[in-house]
Amino acid sequence: MLTYTVDFTKAVQTRRLTMGVADGRVEADGEVIYQVKDMKVALSES
């Protein structure tokens, strides 16, 4: 089984954009197979 975890650490807002900063990891059968720090994504409201 794959498990994806995203832990948001902060949100940065400018005049036109809100950007989220997060750490994340992917686990396969309970073992971490991929890890990332400080990934950045644009956030929007729908």
Protein backbone atom coordinates (compact mmCIF):
# COMPACT_ATOMS: atom_id res chain seq x y z
CA MET A 1 0.00 0.00 0.00
CA LEU A 2 1.23 3.51 -0.83
CA THR A 3 0.77 6.38 1.60
CA TYR A 4 1.33 10.03 0.64
CA THR A 5 1.84 12.55 3.46
CA VAL A 6 2.07 16.33 3.05
CA ASP A 7 2.83 18.53 6.07
CA PHE A 8 2.34 22.23 5.33
CA THR A 9 4.88 24.35 7.18
CA LYS A 10 3.79 27.83 6.07
CA ALA A 11 1.82 29.86 3.55
CA VAL A 12 3.25 32.95 1.86
CA GLN A 13 0.84 35.49 0.37
CA THR A 14 1.68 38.15 -2.20
CA ARG A 15 -0.70 40.53 -3.96
CA ARG A 16 -1.85 37.95 -6.50
CA LEU A 17 -0.68 34.56 -5.25
CA THR A 18 -0.74 32.39 -2.16
CA MET A 19 2.08 29.87 -2.05
CA GLY A 20 2.23 26.93 0.32
CA VAL A 21 5.49 25.43 1.56
CA ALA A 22 5.43 21.83 2.74
CA ASP A 23 7.43 18.72 3.53
CA GLY A 24 6.24 15.41 2.13
CA ARG A 25 6.96 11.72 1.96
CA VAL A 26 5.81 8.59 0.18
CA GLU A 27 5.68 5.28 2.03
CA ALA A 28 5.33 1.82 0.49
CA ASP A 29 4.22 -0.89 2.91
CA GLY A 30 5.26 1.28 5.86
CA GLU A 31 8.75 2.08 4.52
CA VAL A 32 9.68 5.62 3.40
CA ILE A 33 10.71 5.43 -0.27
CA TYR A 34 10.73 9.14 -1.13
CA GLN A 35 11.06 12.31 0.94
CA VAL A 36 11.03 15.99 0.03
CA LYS A 37 11.57 19.18 2.06
CA ASP A 38 10.34 22.72 1.33
CA MET A 39 8.29 21.90 -1.77
CA LYS A 40 6.36 24.91 -3.03
CA VAL A 41 2.85 24.91 -4.51
CA ALA A 42 0.41 27.61 -5.59
CA LEU A 43 -2.82 27.59 -3.57
CA SER A 44 -6.20 28.73 -4.87
CA GLU A 45 -9.82 28.79 -3.75
CA SER A 46 -12.49 27.11 -5.83
